[in-house]
Amino acid sequence: MHDMPGYDYHIDIPGTVLFDGTQAMKGYALNKMCYDFNKAVNRDGFKADEEGWMAKYGLTEPQKDAVRQRDILAMIDAGGNIYYLAKLAGIFKLSVQDVGGLQTGRTTEEFKEYLASQA
């Protein structure tokens, strides 16, 4: 797979964490936990006992710290996939615009204004 013409496994986009196979393996436990938040009962279970829930899924210490701090960017760095993290962000009462602002270094309002300017 590494020999595919035109594909560079070492793409460097400043400020961007590429979700590749390495990141997928690194973030497996965090992403599995977030995937299971598709069910309300699991979201409720997490809210009732965050530490127990993170232990149940085997999150690493950096993943646990990122969740404790509600730091979506640190979760991405720890292997989190934004599509799975969206459920966790929702539990934390963060909107897609909140997360977009975090990812682009803008406040939520600045990010909303940016989106509106692109229409």
PDB file of N, CA and C in Angstrom:
ATOM      1  N   MET A   1       0.826  -1.188   0.000  1.00  0.00           N
ATOM      2  CA  MET A   1       0.000   0.000   0.000  1.00  0.00           C
ATOM      3  C   MET A   1       0.871   1.253   0.000  1.00  0.00           C
ATOM      4  N   HIS A   2       2.041   1.197   0.626  1.00  0.00           N
ATOM      5  CA  HIS A   2       2.922   2.358   0.681  1.00  0.00           C
ATOM      6  C   HIS A   2       3.504   2.690  -0.683  1.00  0.00           C
ATOM      7  N   ASP A   3       3.428   1.749  -1.628  1.00  0.00           N
ATOM      8  CA  ASP A   3       4.029   1.967  -2.937  1.00  0.00           C
ATOM      9  C   ASP A   3       3.042   2.518  -3.956  1.00  0.00           C
ATOM     10  N   MET A   4       1.878   2.928  -3.518  1.00  0.00           N
ATOM     11  CA  MET A   4       0.885   3.451  -4.455  1.00  0.00           C
ATOM     12  C   MET A   4       1.400   4.735  -5.087  1.00  0.00           C
ATOM     13  N   PRO A   5       1.404   4.803  -6.416  1.00  0.00           N
ATOM     14  CA  PRO A   5       1.896   6.015  -7.065  1.00  0.00           C
ATOM     15  C   PRO A   5       1.049   7.229  -6.698  1.00  0.00           C
ATOM     16  N   GLY A   6       1.724   8.333  -6.469  1.00  0.00           N
ATOM     17  CA  GLY A   6       1.013   9.576  -6.195  1.00  0.00           C
ATOM     18  C   GLY A   6       0.513   9.724  -4.776  1.00  0.00           C
ATOM     19  N   TYR A   7       0.767   8.738  -3.911  1.00  0.00           N
ATOM     20  CA  TYR A   7       0.282   8.836  -2.545  1.00  0.00           C
ATOM     21  C   TYR A   7       1.462   8.996  -1.609  1.00  0.00           C
ATOM     22  N   ASP A   8       1.431  10.023  -0.810  1.00  0.00           N
ATOM     23  CA  ASP A   8       2.527  10.304   0.120  1.00  0.00           C
ATOM     24  C   ASP A   8       2.042  10.119   1.545  1.00  0.00           C
ATOM     25  N   TYR A   9       2.580   9.117   2.234  1.00  0.00           N
ATOM     26  CA  TYR A   9       2.190   8.858   3.615  1.00  0.00           C
ATOM     27  C   TYR A   9       2.757   9.890   4.572  1.00  0.00           C
ATOM     28  N   HIS A  10       3.579  10.778   4.071  1.00  0.00           N
ATOM     29  CA  HIS A  10       4.229  11.762   4.928  1.00  0.00           C
ATOM     30  C   HIS A  10       3.765  13.174   4.602  1.00  0.00           C
ATOM     31  N   ILE A  11       2.521  13.321   4.262  1.00  0.00           N
ATOM     32  CA  ILE A  11       1.971  14.644   3.977  1.00  0.00           C
ATOM     33  C   ILE A  11       2.006  15.460   5.256  1.00  0.00           C
ATOM     34  N   ASP A  12       2.500  16.678   5.155  1.00  0.00           N
ATOM     35  CA  ASP A  12       2.569  17.554   6.317  1.00  0.00           C
ATOM     36  C   ASP A  12       1.721  18.782   6.052  1.00  0.00           C
ATOM     37  N   ILE A  13       0.623  18.884   6.769  1.00  0.00           N
ATOM     38  CA  ILE A  13      -0.238  20.057   6.693  1.00  0.00           C
ATOM     39  C   ILE A  13      -0.137  20.739   8.045  1.00  0.00           C
ATOM     40  N   PRO A  14       0.574  21.852   8.126  1.00  0.00           N
ATOM     41  CA  PRO A  14       0.791  22.504   9.422  1.00  0.00           C
ATOM     42  C   PRO A  14      -0.513  22.712  10.193  1.00  0.00           C
ATOM     43  N   GLY A  15      -0.484  22.323  11.471  1.00  0.00           N
ATOM     44  CA  GLY A  15      -1.641  22.503  12.336  1.00  0.00           C
ATOM     45  C   GLY A  15      -2.716  21.447  12.164  1.00  0.00           C
ATOM     46  N   THR A  16      -2.458  20.442  11.332  1.00  0.00           N
ATOM     47  CA  THR A  16      -3.468  19.421  11.039  1.00  0.00           C
ATOM     48  C   THR A  16      -2.964  18.044  11.433  1.00  0.00           C
ATOM     49  N   VAL A  17      -3.794  17.312  12.141  1.00  0.00           N
ATOM     50  CA  VAL A  17      -3.487  15.921  12.461  1.00  0.00           C
ATOM     51  C   VAL A  17      -4.218  15.068  11.433  1.00  0.00           C
ATOM     52  N   LEU A  18      -3.462  14.344  10.619  1.00  0.00           N
ATOM     53  CA  LEU A  18      -4.079  13.477   9.613  1.00  0.00           C
ATOM     54  C   LEU A  18      -4.549  12.194  10.279  1.00  0.00           C
ATOM     55  N   PHE A  19      -5.784  11.822  10.000  1.00  0.00           N
ATOM     56  CA  PHE A  19      -6.310  10.581  10.562  1.00  0.00           C
ATOM     57  C   PHE A  19      -5.976   9.460   9.590  1.00  0.00           C
ATOM     58  N   ASP A  20      -4.879   8.781   9.885  1.00  0.00           N
ATOM     59  CA  ASP A  20      -4.414   7.682   9.055  1.00  0.00           C
ATOM     60  C   ASP A  20      -4.463   6.390   9.869  1.00  0.00           C
ATOM     61  N   GLY A  21      -3.866   5.354   9.347  1.00  0.00           N
ATOM     62  CA  GLY A  21      -3.881   4.069  10.045  1.00  0.00           C
ATOM     63  C   GLY A  21      -3.231   4.126  11.416  1.00  0.00           C
ATOM     64  N   THR A  22      -2.149   4.874  11.527  1.00  0.00           N
ATOM     65  CA  THR A  22      -1.462   5.004  12.808  1.00  0.00           C
ATOM     66  C   THR A  22      -2.368   5.695  13.822  1.00  0.00           C
ATOM     67  N   GLN A  23      -3.008   6.782  13.410  1.00  0.00           N
ATOM     68  CA  GLN A  23      -3.917   7.496  14.305  1.00  0.00           C
ATOM     69  C   GLN A  23      -5.119   6.624  14.660  1.00  0.00           C
ATOM     70  N   ALA A  24      -5.606   5.854  13.701  1.00  0.00           N
ATOM     71  CA  ALA A  24      -6.753   4.973  13.952  1.00  0.00           C
ATOM     72  C   ALA A  24      -6.417   3.951  15.036  1.00  0.00           C
ATOM     73  N   MET A  25      -5.217   3.373  14.948  1.00  0.00           N
ATOM     74  CA  MET A  25      -4.820   2.403  15.973  1.00  0.00           C
ATOM     75  C   MET A  25      -4.629   3.100  17.317  1.00  0.00           C
ATOM     76  N   LYS A  26      -4.007   4.260  17.301  1.00  0.00           N
ATOM     77  CA  LYS A  26      -3.762   5.029  18.522  1.00  0.00           C
ATOM     78  C   LYS A  26      -5.072   5.399  19.216  1.00  0.00           C
ATOM     79  N   GLY A  27      -6.088   5.739  18.436  1.00  0.00           N
ATOM     80  CA  GLY A  27      -7.345   6.219  18.997  1.00  0.00           C
ATOM     81  C   GLY A  27      -8.453   5.198  19.096  1.00  0.00           C
ATOM     82  N   TYR A  28      -8.145   3.922  18.867  1.00  0.00           N
ATOM     83  CA  TYR A  28      -9.195   2.902  18.809  1.00  0.00           C
ATOM     84  C   TYR A  28     -10.124   2.934  20.020  1.00  0.00           C
ATOM     85  N   ALA A  29      -9.579   2.928  21.223  1.00  0.00           N
ATOM     86  CA  ALA A  29     -10.419   2.861  22.435  1.00  0.00           C
ATOM     87  C   ALA A  29     -11.308   4.099  22.546  1.00  0.00           C
ATOM     88  N   LEU A  30     -10.747   5.270  22.311  1.00  0.00           N
ATOM     89  CA  LEU A  30     -11.511   6.513  22.382  1.00  0.00           C
ATOM     90  C   LEU A  30     -12.609   6.532  21.325  1.00  0.00           C
ATOM     91  N   ASN A  31     -12.286   6.135  20.114  1.00  0.00           N
ATOM     92  CA  ASN A  31     -13.282   6.138  19.040  1.00  0.00           C
ATOM     93  C   ASN A  31     -14.372   5.090  19.261  1.00  0.00           C
ATOM     94  N   LYS A  32     -13.994   3.939  19.808  1.00  0.00           N
ATOM     95  CA  LYS A  32     -15.002   2.910  20.121  1.00  0.00           C
ATOM     96  C   LYS A  32     -15.974   3.430  21.167  1.00  0.00           C
ATOM     97  N   MET A  33     -15.438   4.076  22.217  1.00  0.00           N
ATOM     98  CA  MET A  33     -16.299   4.637  23.247  1.00  0.00           C
ATOM     99  C   MET A  33     -17.255   5.666  22.630  1.00  0.00           C
ATOM    100  N   CYS A  34     -16.711   6.545  21.815  1.00  0.00           N
ATOM    101  CA  CYS A  34     -17.547   7.587  21.203  1.00  0.00           C
ATOM    102  C   CYS A  34     -18.582   6.993  20.252  1.00  0.00           C
ATOM    103  N   TYR A  35     -18.210   5.963  19.507  1.00  0.00           N
ATOM    104  CA  TYR A  35     -19.160   5.299  18.620  1.00  0.00           C
ATOM    105  C   TYR A  35     -20.351   4.764  19.417  1.00  0.00           C
ATOM    106  N   ASP A  36     -20.065   4.215  20.578  1.00  0.00           N
ATOM    107  CA  ASP A  36     -21.133   3.653  21.404  1.00  0.00           C
ATOM    108  C   ASP A  36     -22.056   4.723  21.973  1.00  0.00           C
ATOM    109  N   PHE A  37     -21.647   5.995  21.881  1.00  0.00           N
ATOM    110  CA  PHE A  37     -22.527   7.087  22.317  1.00  0.00           C
ATOM    111  C   PHE A  37     -23.676   7.325  21.339  1.00  0.00           C
ATOM    112  N   ASN A  38     -23.749   6.547  20.271  1.00  0.00           N
ATOM    113  CA  ASN A  38     -24.911   6.616  19.386  1.00  0.00           C
ATOM    114  C   ASN A  38     -26.166   6.171  20.135  1.00  0.00           C
ATOM    115  N   LYS A  39     -25.980   5.409  21.211  1.00  0.00           N
ATOM    116  CA  LYS A  39     -27.110   4.957  22.030  1.00  0.00           C
ATOM    117  C   LYS A  39     -27.222   5.840  23.268  1.00  0.00           C
ATOM    118  N   ALA A  40     -28.411   6.356  23.504  1.00  0.00           N
ATOM    119  CA  ALA A  40     -28.650   7.256  24.632  1.00  0.00           C
ATOM    120  C   ALA A  40     -28.266   6.619  25.963  1.00  0.00           C
ATOM    121  N   VAL A  41     -28.496   5.331  26.108  1.00  0.00           N
ATOM    122  CA  VAL A  41     -28.179   4.654  27.369  1.00  0.00           C
ATOM    123  C   VAL A  41     -26.676   4.743  27.660  1.00  0.00           C
ATOM    124  N   ASN A  42     -25.856   4.683  26.617  1.00  0.00           N
ATOM    125  CA  ASN A  42     -24.406   4.791  26.806  1.00  0.00           C
ATOM    126  C   ASN A  42     -23.999   6.233  27.127  1.00  0.00           C
ATOM    127  N   ARG A  43     -24.648   7.196  26.500  1.00  0.00           N
ATOM    128  CA  ARG A  43     -24.366   8.595  26.835  1.00  0.00           C
ATOM    129  C   ARG A  43     -24.718   8.856  28.290  1.00  0.00           C
ATOM    130  N   ASP A  44     -25.856   8.319  28.728  1.00  0.00           N
ATOM    131  CA  ASP A  44     -26.269   8.482  30.122  1.00  0.00           C
ATOM    132  C   ASP A  44     -25.293   7.795  31.069  1.00  0.00           C
ATOM    133  N   GLY A  45     -24.815   6.614  30.694  1.00  0.00           N
ATOM    134  CA  GLY A  45     -23.847   5.895  31.511  1.00  0.00           C
ATOM    135  C   GLY A  45     -22.552   6.683  31.663  1.00  0.00           C
ATOM    136  N   PHE A  46     -22.105   7.285  30.589  1.00  0.00           N
ATOM    137  CA  PHE A  46     -20.892   8.097  30.646  1.00  0.00           C
ATOM    138  C   PHE A  46     -21.092   9.304  31.560  1.00  0.00           C
ATOM    139  N   LYS A  47     -22.213   9.973  31.418  1.00  0.00           N
ATOM    140  CA  LYS A  47     -22.486  11.153  32.254  1.00  0.00           C
ATOM    141  C   LYS A  47     -22.522  10.784  33.735  1.00  0.00           C
ATOM    142  N   ALA A  48     -23.006   9.595  34.046  1.00  0.00           N
ATOM    143  CA  ALA A  48     -23.126   9.154  35.436  1.00  0.00           C
ATOM    144  C   ALA A  48     -21.773   8.758  36.041  1.00  0.00           C
ATOM    145  N   ASP A  49     -20.843   8.267  35.204  1.00  0.00           N
ATOM    146  CA  ASP A  49     -19.554   7.795  35.724  1.00  0.00           C
ATOM    147  C   ASP A  49     -18.496   7.882  34.629  1.00  0.00           C
ATOM    148  N   GLU A  50     -18.009   9.082  34.377  1.00  0.00           N
ATOM    149  CA  GLU A  50     -17.035   9.278  33.308  1.00  0.00           C
ATOM    150  C   GLU A  50     -15.784   8.431  33.508  1.00  0.00           C
ATOM    151  N   GLU A  51     -15.238   8.431  34.719  1.00  0.00           N
ATOM    152  CA  GLU A  51     -14.002   7.683  34.968  1.00  0.00           C
ATOM    153  C   GLU A  51     -14.205   6.184  34.743  1.00  0.00           C
ATOM    154  N   GLY A  52     -15.300   5.660  35.260  1.00  0.00           N
ATOM    155  CA  GLY A  52     -15.596   4.248  35.075  1.00  0.00           C
ATOM    156  C   GLY A  52     -15.796   3.893  33.613  1.00  0.00           C
ATOM    157  N   TRP A  53     -16.436   4.791  32.897  1.00  0.00           N
ATOM    158  CA  TRP A  53     -16.708   4.556  31.477  1.00  0.00           C
ATOM    159  C   TRP A  53     -15.402   4.549  30.689  1.00  0.00           C
ATOM    160  N   MET A  54     -14.507   5.501  30.997  1.00  0.00           N
ATOM    161  CA  MET A  54     -13.222   5.553  30.287  1.00  0.00           C
ATOM    162  C   MET A  54     -12.383   4.319  30.601  1.00  0.00           C
ATOM    163  N   ALA A  55     -12.430   3.853  31.842  1.00  0.00           N
ATOM    164  CA  ALA A  55     -11.706   2.634  32.222  1.00  0.00           C
ATOM    165  C   ALA A  55     -12.285   1.424  31.500  1.00  0.00           C
ATOM    166  N   LYS A  56     -13.601   1.362  31.400  1.00  0.00           N
ATOM    167  CA  LYS A  56     -14.278   0.243  30.731  1.00  0.00           C
ATOM    168  C   LYS A  56     -13.796   0.090  29.287  1.00  0.00           C
ATOM    169  N   TYR A  57     -13.548   1.215  28.614  1.00  0.00           N
ATOM    170  CA  TYR A  57     -13.122   1.172  27.217  1.00  0.00           C
ATOM    171  C   TYR A  57     -11.605   1.154  27.059  1.00  0.00           C
ATOM    172  N   GLY A  58     -10.873   1.272  28.173  1.00  0.00           N
ATOM    173  CA  GLY A  58      -9.422   1.177  28.115  1.00  0.00           C
ATOM    174  C   GLY A  58      -8.719   2.381  27.513  1.00  0.00           C
ATOM    175  N   LEU A  59      -9.251   3.581  27.762  1.00  0.00           N
ATOM    176  CA  LEU A  59      -8.607   4.775  27.245  1.00  0.00           C
ATOM    177  C   LEU A  59      -7.221   4.941  27.850  1.00  0.00           C
ATOM    178  N   THR A  60      -6.314   5.496  27.076  1.00  0.00           N
ATOM    179  CA  THR A  60      -4.969   5.793  27.570  1.00  0.00           C
ATOM    180  C   THR A  60      -5.043   7.015  28.480  1.00  0.00           C
ATOM    181  N   GLU A  61      -3.985   7.255  29.237  1.00  0.00           N
ATOM    182  CA  GLU A  61      -3.969   8.437  30.118  1.00  0.00           C
ATOM    183  C   GLU A  61      -4.096   9.739  29.328  1.00  0.00           C
ATOM    184  N   PRO A  62      -3.370   9.903  28.184  1.00  0.00           N
ATOM    185  CA  PRO A  62      -3.570  11.141  27.421  1.00  0.00           C
ATOM    186  C   PRO A  62      -5.016  11.308  26.932  1.00  0.00           C
ATOM    187  N   GLN A  63      -5.656  10.209  26.547  1.00  0.00           N
ATOM    188  CA  GLN A  63      -7.054  10.281  26.123  1.00  0.00           C
ATOM    189  C   GLN A  63      -7.949  10.670  27.295  1.00  0.00           C
ATOM    190  N   LYS A  64      -7.724  10.041  28.444  1.00  0.00           N
ATOM    191  CA  LYS A  64      -8.518  10.372  29.630  1.00  0.00           C
ATOM    192  C   LYS A  64      -8.341  11.836  30.011  1.00  0.00           C
ATOM    193  N   ASP A  65      -7.099  12.320  30.001  1.00  0.00           N
ATOM    194  CA  ASP A  65      -6.844  13.719  30.351  1.00  0.00           C
ATOM    195  C   ASP A  65      -7.551  14.663  29.390  1.00  0.00           C
ATOM    196  N   ALA A  66      -7.520  14.345  28.101  1.00  0.00           N
ATOM    197  CA  ALA A  66      -8.184  15.184  27.107  1.00  0.00           C
ATOM    198  C   ALA A  66      -9.698  15.215  27.355  1.00  0.00           C
ATOM    199  N   VAL A  67     -10.280  14.061  27.685  1.00  0.00           N
ATOM    200  CA  VAL A  67     -11.718  13.999  27.975  1.00  0.00           C
ATOM    201  C   VAL A  67     -12.017  14.793  29.244  1.00  0.00           C
ATOM    202  N   ARG A  68     -11.225  14.610  30.277  1.00  0.00           N
ATOM    203  CA  ARG A  68     -11.441  15.340  31.530  1.00  0.00           C
ATOM    204  C   ARG A  68     -11.394  16.849  31.319  1.00  0.00           C
ATOM    205  N   GLN A  69     -10.497  17.283  30.441  1.00  0.00           N
ATOM    206  CA  GLN A  69     -10.330  18.713  30.188  1.00  0.00           C
ATOM    207  C   GLN A  69     -11.282  19.238  29.109  1.00  0.00           C
ATOM    208  N   ARG A  70     -12.068  18.321  28.517  1.00  0.00           N
ATOM    209  CA  ARG A  70     -13.004  18.692  27.443  1.00  0.00           C
ATOM    210  C   ARG A  70     -12.255  19.310  26.268  1.00  0.00           C
ATOM    211  N   ASP A  71     -11.048  18.790  26.013  1.00  0.00           N
ATOM    212  CA  ASP A  71     -10.153  19.341  25.011  1.00  0.00           C
ATOM    213  C   ASP A  71     -10.241  18.509  23.727  1.00  0.00           C
ATOM    214  N   ILE A  72     -11.113  18.935  22.833  1.00  0.00           N
ATOM    215  CA  ILE A  72     -11.355  18.202  21.588  1.00  0.00           C
ATOM    216  C   ILE A  72     -10.082  18.098  20.755  1.00  0.00           C
ATOM    217  N   LEU A  73      -9.289  19.172  20.686  1.00  0.00           N
ATOM    218  CA  LEU A  73      -8.060  19.132  19.895  1.00  0.00           C
ATOM    219  C   LEU A  73      -7.070  18.115  20.461  1.00  0.00           C
ATOM    220  N   ALA A  74      -6.982  18.001  21.779  1.00  0.00           N
ATOM    221  CA  ALA A  74      -6.110  16.994  22.391  1.00  0.00           C
ATOM    222  C   ALA A  74      -6.652  15.592  22.119  1.00  0.00           C
ATOM    223  N   MET A  75      -7.973  15.453  22.050  1.00  0.00           N
ATOM    224  CA  MET A  75      -8.565  14.148  21.722  1.00  0.00           C
ATOM    225  C   MET A  75      -8.200  13.756  20.298  1.00  0.00           C
ATOM    226  N   ILE A  76      -8.220  14.722  19.380  1.00  0.00           N
ATOM    227  CA  ILE A  76      -7.827  14.446  17.991  1.00  0.00           C
ATOM    228  C   ILE A  76      -6.360  14.033  17.958  1.00  0.00           C
ATOM    229  N   ASP A  77      -5.520  14.739  18.683  1.00  0.00           N
ATOM    230  CA  ASP A  77      -4.104  14.417  18.746  1.00  0.00           C
ATOM    231  C   ASP A  77      -3.881  13.023  19.339  1.00  0.00           C
ATOM    232  N   ALA A  78      -4.764  12.607  20.243  1.00  0.00           N
ATOM    233  CA  ALA A  78      -4.663  11.291  20.887  1.00  0.00           C
ATOM    234  C   ALA A  78      -5.319  10.188  20.055  1.00  0.00           C
ATOM    235  N   GLY A  79      -5.618  10.492  18.793  1.00  0.00           N
ATOM    236  CA  GLY A  79      -6.158   9.477  17.888  1.00  0.00           C
ATOM    237  C   GLY A  79      -7.649   9.545  17.664  1.00  0.00           C
ATOM    238  N   GLY A  80      -8.309  10.541  18.236  1.00  0.00           N
ATOM    239  CA  GLY A  80      -9.752  10.666  18.056  1.00  0.00           C
ATOM    240  C   GLY A  80     -10.114  11.094  16.644  1.00  0.00           C
ATOM    241  N   ASN A  81     -11.153  10.512  16.122  1.00  0.00           N
ATOM    242  CA  ASN A  81     -11.686  10.870  14.814  1.00  0.00           C
ATOM    243  C   ASN A  81     -12.844  11.839  15.037  1.00  0.00           C
ATOM    244  N   ILE A  82     -12.824  12.968  14.361  1.00  0.00           N
ATOM    245  CA  ILE A  82     -13.815  14.016  14.607  1.00  0.00           C
ATOM    246  C   ILE A  82     -15.245  13.508  14.425  1.00  0.00           C
ATOM    247  N   TYR A  83     -15.463  12.551  13.546  1.00  0.00           N
ATOM    248  CA  TYR A  83     -16.825  12.043  13.335  1.00  0.00           C
ATOM    249  C   TYR A  83     -17.325  11.283  14.558  1.00  0.00           C
ATOM    250  N   TYR A  84     -16.436  10.565  15.226  1.00  0.00           N
ATOM    251  CA  TYR A  84     -16.811   9.884  16.463  1.00  0.00           C
ATOM    252  C   TYR A  84     -16.862  10.866  17.627  1.00  0.00           C
ATOM    253  N   LEU A  85     -15.913  11.799  17.647  1.00  0.00           N
ATOM    254  CA  LEU A  85     -15.846  12.770  18.738  1.00  0.00           C
ATOM    255  C   LEU A  85     -17.059  13.699  18.767  1.00  0.00           C
ATOM    256  N   ALA A  86     -17.773  13.810  17.661  1.00  0.00           N
ATOM    257  CA  ALA A  86     -18.943  14.697  17.609  1.00  0.00           C
ATOM    258  C   ALA A  86     -19.968  14.310  18.675  1.00  0.00           C
ATOM    259  N   LYS A  87     -20.153  13.037  18.931  1.00  0.00           N
ATOM    260  CA  LYS A  87     -21.099  12.600  19.968  1.00  0.00           C
ATOM    261  C   LYS A  87     -20.629  13.029  21.350  1.00  0.00           C
ATOM    262  N   LEU A  88     -19.329  12.893  21.598  1.00  0.00           N
ATOM    263  CA  LEU A  88     -18.779  13.304  22.878  1.00  0.00           C
ATOM    264  C   LEU A  88     -18.874  14.819  23.029  1.00  0.00           C
ATOM    265  N   ALA A  89     -18.589  15.544  21.957  1.00  0.00           N
ATOM    266  CA  ALA A  89     -18.718  17.003  21.990  1.00  0.00           C
ATOM    267  C   ALA A  89     -20.146  17.405  22.336  1.00  0.00           C
ATOM    268  N   GLY A  90     -21.104  16.668  21.803  1.00  0.00           N
ATOM    269  CA  GLY A  90     -22.507  16.938  22.118  1.00  0.00           C
ATOM    270  C   GLY A  90     -22.817  16.727  23.593  1.00  0.00           C
ATOM    271  N   ILE A  91     -22.245  15.695  24.183  1.00  0.00           N
ATOM    272  CA  ILE A  91     -22.415  15.446  25.619  1.00  0.00           C
ATOM    273  C   ILE A  91     -21.875  16.633  26.412  1.00  0.00           C
ATOM    274  N   PHE A  92     -20.785  17.223  25.902  1.00  0.00           N
ATOM    275  CA  PHE A  92     -20.169  18.369  26.569  1.00  0.00           C
ATOM    276  C   PHE A  92     -20.861  19.685  26.216  1.00  0.00           C
ATOM    277  N   LYS A  93     -21.966  19.600  25.466  1.00  0.00           N
ATOM    278  CA  LYS A  93     -22.734  20.782  25.039  1.00  0.00           C
ATOM    279  C   LYS A  93     -21.942  21.666  24.082  1.00  0.00           C
ATOM    280  N   LEU A  94     -21.078  21.052  23.281  1.00  0.00           N
ATOM    281  CA  LEU A  94     -20.350  21.781  22.247  1.00  0.00           C
ATOM    282  C   LEU A  94     -21.017  21.516  20.908  1.00  0.00           C
ATOM    283  N   SER A  95     -21.270  22.563  20.151  1.00  0.00           N
ATOM    284  CA  SER A  95     -21.877  22.421  18.833  1.00  0.00           C
ATOM    285  C   SER A  95     -20.794  22.170  17.784  1.00  0.00           C
ATOM    286  N   VAL A  96     -21.218  21.835  16.586  1.00  0.00           N
ATOM    287  CA  VAL A  96     -20.296  21.667  15.475  1.00  0.00           C
ATOM    288  C   VAL A  96     -19.544  22.978  15.230  1.00  0.00           C
ATOM    289  N   GLN A  97     -20.244  24.113  15.391  1.00  0.00           N
ATOM    290  CA  GLN A  97     -19.593  25.409  15.211  1.00  0.00           C
ATOM    291  C   GLN A  97     -18.546  25.668  16.300  1.00  0.00           C
ATOM    292  N   ASP A  98     -18.818  25.231  17.529  1.00  0.00           N
ATOM    293  CA  ASP A  98     -17.821  25.352  18.602  1.00  0.00           C
ATOM    294  C   ASP A  98     -16.552  24.597  18.226  1.00  0.00           C
ATOM    295  N   VAL A  99     -16.728  23.368  17.770  1.00  0.00           N
ATOM    296  CA  VAL A  99     -15.582  22.533  17.410  1.00  0.00           C
ATOM    297  C   VAL A  99     -14.870  23.114  16.189  1.00  0.00           C
ATOM    298  N   GLY A 100     -15.623  23.596  15.210  1.00  0.00           N
ATOM    299  CA  GLY A 100     -15.011  24.231  14.039  1.00  0.00           C
ATOM    300  C   GLY A 100     -14.164  25.425  14.434  1.00  0.00           C
ATOM    301  N   GLY A 101     -14.647  26.202  15.377  1.00  0.00           N
ATOM    302  CA  GLY A 101     -13.878  27.334  15.876  1.00  0.00           C
ATOM    303  C   GLY A 101     -12.591  26.879  16.528  1.00  0.00           C
ATOM    304  N   LEU A 102     -12.674  25.829  17.346  1.00  0.00           N
ATOM    305  CA  LEU A 102     -11.471  25.289  17.999  1.00  0.00           C
ATOM    306  C   LEU A 102     -10.451  24.834  16.960  1.00  0.00           C
ATOM    307  N   GLN A 103     -10.933  24.149  15.929  1.00  0.00           N
ATOM    308  CA  GLN A 103     -10.031  23.604  14.919  1.00  0.00           C
ATOM    309  C   GLN A 103      -9.384  24.695  14.071  1.00  0.00           C
ATOM    310  N   THR A 104     -10.027  25.839  13.943  1.00  0.00           N
ATOM    311  CA  THR A 104      -9.500  26.898  13.078  1.00  0.00           C
ATOM    312  C   THR A 104      -8.939  28.074  13.862  1.00  0.00           C
ATOM    313  N   GLY A 105      -8.889  27.954  15.194  1.00  0.00           N
ATOM    314  CA  GLY A 105      -8.334  29.026  16.004  1.00  0.00           C
ATOM    315  C   GLY A 105      -9.223  30.251  16.092  1.00  0.00           C
ATOM    316  N   ARG A 106     -10.530  30.042  15.940  1.00  0.00           N
ATOM    317  CA  ARG A 106     -11.491  31.138  16.013  1.00  0.00           C
ATOM    318  C   ARG A 106     -12.437  30.911  17.187  1.00  0.00           C
ATOM    319  N   THR A 107     -13.077  31.980  17.611  1.00  0.00           N
ATOM    320  CA  THR A 107     -14.173  31.817  18.561  1.00  0.00           C
ATOM    321  C   THR A 107     -15.344  31.231  17.788  1.00  0.00           C
ATOM    322  N   THR A 108     -16.337  30.761  18.512  1.00  0.00           N
ATOM    323  CA  THR A 108     -17.524  30.218  17.835  1.00  0.00           C
ATOM    324  C   THR A 108     -18.162  31.282  16.953  1.00  0.00           C
ATOM    325  N   GLU A 109     -18.291  32.503  17.461  1.00  0.00           N
ATOM    326  CA  GLU A 109     -18.901  33.585  16.672  1.00  0.00           C
ATOM    327  C   GLU A 109     -18.077  33.902  15.436  1.00  0.00           C
ATOM    328  N   GLU A 110     -16.750  33.960  15.589  1.00  0.00           N
ATOM    329  CA  GLU A 110     -15.883  34.215  14.435  1.00  0.00           C
ATOM    330  C   GLU A 110     -16.037  33.109  13.394  1.00  0.00           C
ATOM    331  N   PHE A 111     -16.155  31.875  13.859  1.00  0.00           N
ATOM    332  CA  PHE A 111     -16.306  30.756  12.934  1.00  0.00           C
ATOM    333  C   PHE A 111     -17.645  30.839  12.208  1.00  0.00           C
ATOM    334  N   LYS A 112     -18.707  31.187  12.916  1.00  0.00           N
ATOM    335  CA  LYS A 112     -20.022  31.337  12.277  1.00  0.00           C
ATOM    336  C   LYS A 112     -19.974  32.454  11.233  1.00  0.00           C
ATOM    337  N   GLU A 113     -19.313  33.557  11.560  1.00  0.00           N
ATOM    338  CA  GLU A 113     -19.183  34.665  10.609  1.00  0.00           C
ATOM    339  C   GLU A 113     -18.375  34.228   9.388  1.00  0.00           C
ATOM    340  N   TYR A 114     -17.329  33.464   9.623  1.00  0.00           N
ATOM    341  CA  TYR A 114     -16.522  32.941   8.518  1.00  0.00           C
ATOM    342  C   TYR A 114     -17.387  32.065   7.608  1.00  0.00           C
ATOM    343  N   LEU A 115     -18.157  31.167   8.192  1.00  0.00           N
ATOM    344  CA  LEU A 115     -19.022  30.301   7.389  1.00  0.00           C
ATOM    345  C   LEU A 115     -20.015  31.114   6.572  1.00  0.00           C
ATOM    346  N   ALA A 116     -20.617  32.113   7.200  1.00  0.00           N
ATOM    347  CA  ALA A 116     -21.598  32.957   6.507  1.00  0.00           C
ATOM    348  C   ALA A 116     -20.940  33.701   5.348  1.00  0.00           C
ATOM    349  N   SER A 117     -19.693  34.110   5.519  1.00  0.00           N
ATOM    350  CA  SER A 117     -18.995  34.866   4.471  1.00  0.00           C
ATOM    351  C   SER A 117     -18.651  33.984   3.271  1.00  0.00           C
ATOM    352  N   GLN A 118     -18.661  32.678   3.465  1.00  0.00           N
ATOM    353  CA  GLN A 118     -18.314  31.752   2.387  1.00  0.00           C
ATOM    354  C   GLN A 118     -19.514  31.330   1.546  1.00  0.00           C
ATOM    355  N   ALA A 119     -20.695  31.718   2.001  1.00  0.00           N
ATOM    356  CA  ALA A 119     -21.930  31.291   1.290  1.00  0.00           C
ATOM    357  C   ALA A 119     -22.130  32.035  -0.008  1.00  0.00           C
TER     358      ALA A 119
END
